[in-house]
């Protein structure tokens, strides 16, 4: 299994666990504005729309944990080496 697939699978299990503490799939789907099939796929670790996935995490109070990790990671790489820009080898004329 690929790392991304394992991540989605674990994330799906987390979403299912947290969701099942307070609501069923139908209510969760209604709050998310998606169908029950989408919730089912998400909880099985299958790909869904990223906005739906992030909204699910937010609705369950989990998004802030992921946001903190992303902010920390971005802070680590933001001040790192930048790609150098190439100079254009030739000027393009406006003659068409």
C-alpha atoms as a PDB file:
ATOM      1  CA  UNK A   1       0.000   0.000   0.000  1.00  0.00           C
ATOM      2  CA  UNK A   2       1.304   3.475  -0.848  1.00  0.00           C
ATOM      3  CA  UNK A   3       1.944   5.979   1.920  1.00  0.00           C
ATOM      4  CA  UNK A   4      -0.841   8.235   0.596  1.00  0.00           C
ATOM      5  CA  UNK A   5      -3.285   5.322   0.649  1.00  0.00           C
ATOM      6  CA  UNK A   6      -2.268   4.445   4.210  1.00  0.00           C
ATOM      7  CA  UNK A   7      -2.717   8.076   5.224  1.00  0.00           C
ATOM      8  CA  UNK A   8      -6.227   8.222   3.722  1.00  0.00           C
ATOM      9  CA  UNK A   9      -7.118   4.924   5.373  1.00  0.00           C
ATOM     10  CA  UNK A  10      -5.983   6.107   8.812  1.00  0.00           C
ATOM     11  CA  UNK A  11      -7.660   9.478   8.309  1.00  0.00           C
ATOM     12  CA  UNK A  12     -10.882   7.695   7.351  1.00  0.00           C
ATOM     13  CA  UNK A  13     -10.758   5.598  10.507  1.00  0.00           C
ATOM     14  CA  UNK A  14     -10.195   8.721  12.594  1.00  0.00           C
ATOM     15  CA  UNK A  15     -13.117  10.511  10.941  1.00  0.00           C
ATOM     16  CA  UNK A  16     -15.381   7.487  11.417  1.00  0.00           C
ATOM     17  CA  UNK A  17     -14.433   7.152  15.077  1.00  0.00           C
ATOM     18  CA  UNK A  18     -14.994  10.822  15.870  1.00  0.00           C
ATOM     19  CA  UNK A  19     -18.181  11.051  13.821  1.00  0.00           C
ATOM     20  CA  UNK A  20     -19.717   7.947  15.407  1.00  0.00           C
ATOM     21  CA  UNK A  21     -19.399   9.476  18.878  1.00  0.00           C
ATOM     22  CA  UNK A  22     -22.040  12.090  18.105  1.00  0.00           C
ATOM     23  CA  UNK A  23     -23.939  11.339  14.877  1.00  0.00           C
ATOM     24  CA  UNK A  24     -24.724   8.795  12.197  1.00  0.00           C
ATOM     25  CA  UNK A  25     -23.513   8.955   8.597  1.00  0.00           C
ATOM     26  CA  UNK A  26     -26.741  10.513   7.326  1.00  0.00           C
ATOM     27  CA  UNK A  27     -26.611  13.421   9.761  1.00  0.00           C
ATOM     28  CA  UNK A  28     -22.900  13.941   9.117  1.00  0.00           C
ATOM     29  CA  UNK A  29     -23.479  13.957   5.358  1.00  0.00           C
ATOM     30  CA  UNK A  30     -26.268  16.501   5.751  1.00  0.00           C
ATOM     31  CA  UNK A  31     -24.059  18.789   7.841  1.00  0.00           C
ATOM     32  CA  UNK A  32     -21.263  18.478   5.278  1.00  0.00           C
ATOM     33  CA  UNK A  33     -23.566  19.063   2.345  1.00  0.00           C
ATOM     34  CA  UNK A  34     -22.678  15.806   0.644  1.00  0.00           C
ATOM     35  CA  UNK A  35     -24.199  12.368   0.187  1.00  0.00           C
ATOM     36  CA  UNK A  36     -23.991   9.394   2.514  1.00  0.00           C
ATOM     37  CA  UNK A  37     -21.959   7.567  -0.151  1.00  0.00           C
ATOM     38  CA  UNK A  38     -19.292  10.286   0.078  1.00  0.00           C
ATOM     39  CA  UNK A  39     -19.103   9.865   3.852  1.00  0.00           C
ATOM     40  CA  UNK A  40     -18.873   6.092   3.407  1.00  0.00           C
ATOM     41  CA  UNK A  41     -16.013   6.459   0.885  1.00  0.00           C
ATOM     42  CA  UNK A  42     -14.215   8.969   3.119  1.00  0.00           C
ATOM     43  CA  UNK A  43     -14.418   6.661   6.119  1.00  0.00           C
ATOM     44  CA  UNK A  44     -13.119   3.751   4.027  1.00  0.00           C
ATOM     45  CA  UNK A  45     -10.072   5.800   3.040  1.00  0.00           C
ATOM     46  CA  UNK A  46     -11.148   6.254  -0.547  1.00  0.00           C
ATOM     47  CA  UNK A  47     -10.477   9.555  -2.336  1.00  0.00           C
ATOM     48  CA  UNK A  48     -13.060  12.315  -1.955  1.00  0.00           C
ATOM     49  CA  UNK A  49     -13.083  16.016  -2.783  1.00  0.00           C
ATOM     50  CA  UNK A  50     -10.428  17.784  -0.704  1.00  0.00           C
ATOM     51  CA  UNK A  51     -12.826  20.518   0.417  1.00  0.00           C
ATOM     52  CA  UNK A  52     -15.248  17.861   1.680  1.00  0.00           C
ATOM     53  CA  UNK A  53     -12.442  16.103   3.530  1.00  0.00           C
ATOM     54  CA  UNK A  54     -11.213  19.311   5.143  1.00  0.00           C
ATOM     55  CA  UNK A  55     -14.778  20.317   6.022  1.00  0.00           C
ATOM     56  CA  UNK A  56     -15.277  16.948   7.700  1.00  0.00           C
ATOM     57  CA  UNK A  57     -12.149  17.452   9.781  1.00  0.00           C
ATOM     58  CA  UNK A  58     -13.292  20.955  10.706  1.00  0.00           C
ATOM     59  CA  UNK A  59     -16.788  19.783  11.649  1.00  0.00           C
ATOM     60  CA  UNK A  60     -15.276  17.157  13.933  1.00  0.00           C
ATOM     61  CA  UNK A  61     -12.860  19.622  15.541  1.00  0.00           C
ATOM     62  CA  UNK A  62      -9.799  17.921  14.065  1.00  0.00           C
ATOM     63  CA  UNK A  63      -8.682  20.434  11.444  1.00  0.00           C
ATOM     64  CA  UNK A  64      -6.811  22.662  13.890  1.00  0.00           C
ATOM     65  CA  UNK A  65      -4.432  19.788  14.690  1.00  0.00           C
ATOM     66  CA  UNK A  66      -3.567  19.328  11.013  1.00  0.00           C
ATOM     67  CA  UNK A  67      -3.297  23.089  10.487  1.00  0.00           C
ATOM     68  CA  UNK A  68      -0.725  23.336  13.261  1.00  0.00           C
ATOM     69  CA  UNK A  69       1.406  20.602  11.700  1.00  0.00           C
ATOM     70  CA  UNK A  70       1.190  22.298   8.291  1.00  0.00           C
ATOM     71  CA  UNK A  71       2.077  25.694   9.743  1.00  0.00           C
ATOM     72  CA  UNK A  72       5.108  24.195  11.500  1.00  0.00           C
ATOM     73  CA  UNK A  73       6.227  22.410   8.334  1.00  0.00           C
ATOM     74  CA  UNK A  74       5.798  25.531   6.213  1.00  0.00           C
ATOM     75  CA  UNK A  75       7.800  27.584   8.719  1.00  0.00           C
ATOM     76  CA  UNK A  76      10.643  25.068   8.410  1.00  0.00           C
ATOM     77  CA  UNK A  77      10.812  25.261   4.619  1.00  0.00           C
ATOM     78  CA  UNK A  78       9.805  28.900   4.034  1.00  0.00           C
ATOM     79  CA  UNK A  79      13.261  30.243   4.810  1.00  0.00           C
ATOM     80  CA  UNK A  80      15.090  27.510   2.947  1.00  0.00           C
ATOM     81  CA  UNK A  81      16.848  27.796  -0.384  1.00  0.00           C
ATOM     82  CA  UNK A  82      14.820  29.236  -3.223  1.00  0.00           C
ATOM     83  CA  UNK A  83      14.911  28.161  -6.836  1.00  0.00           C
ATOM     84  CA  UNK A  84      16.908  30.590  -8.911  1.00  0.00           C
ATOM     85  CA  UNK A  85      15.144  32.250 -11.781  1.00  0.00           C
ATOM     86  CA  UNK A  86      16.501  31.790 -15.258  1.00  0.00           C
ATOM     87  CA  UNK A  87      17.232  34.732 -17.432  1.00  0.00           C
ATOM     88  CA  UNK A  88      15.474  34.644 -20.754  1.00  0.00           C
ATOM     89  CA  UNK A  89      17.946  33.880 -23.515  1.00  0.00           C
ATOM     90  CA  UNK A  90      16.225  36.032 -26.049  1.00  0.00           C
ATOM     91  CA  UNK A  91      13.804  38.901 -26.221  1.00  0.00           C
ATOM     92  CA  UNK A  92      10.567  38.272 -28.015  1.00  0.00           C
ATOM     93  CA  UNK A  93       9.473  40.934 -30.422  1.00  0.00           C
ATOM     94  CA  UNK A  94       5.921  42.145 -30.561  1.00  0.00           C
ATOM     95  CA  UNK A  95       5.768  41.572 -34.312  1.00  0.00           C
ATOM     96  CA  UNK A  96       3.027  39.157 -35.118  1.00  0.00           C
END
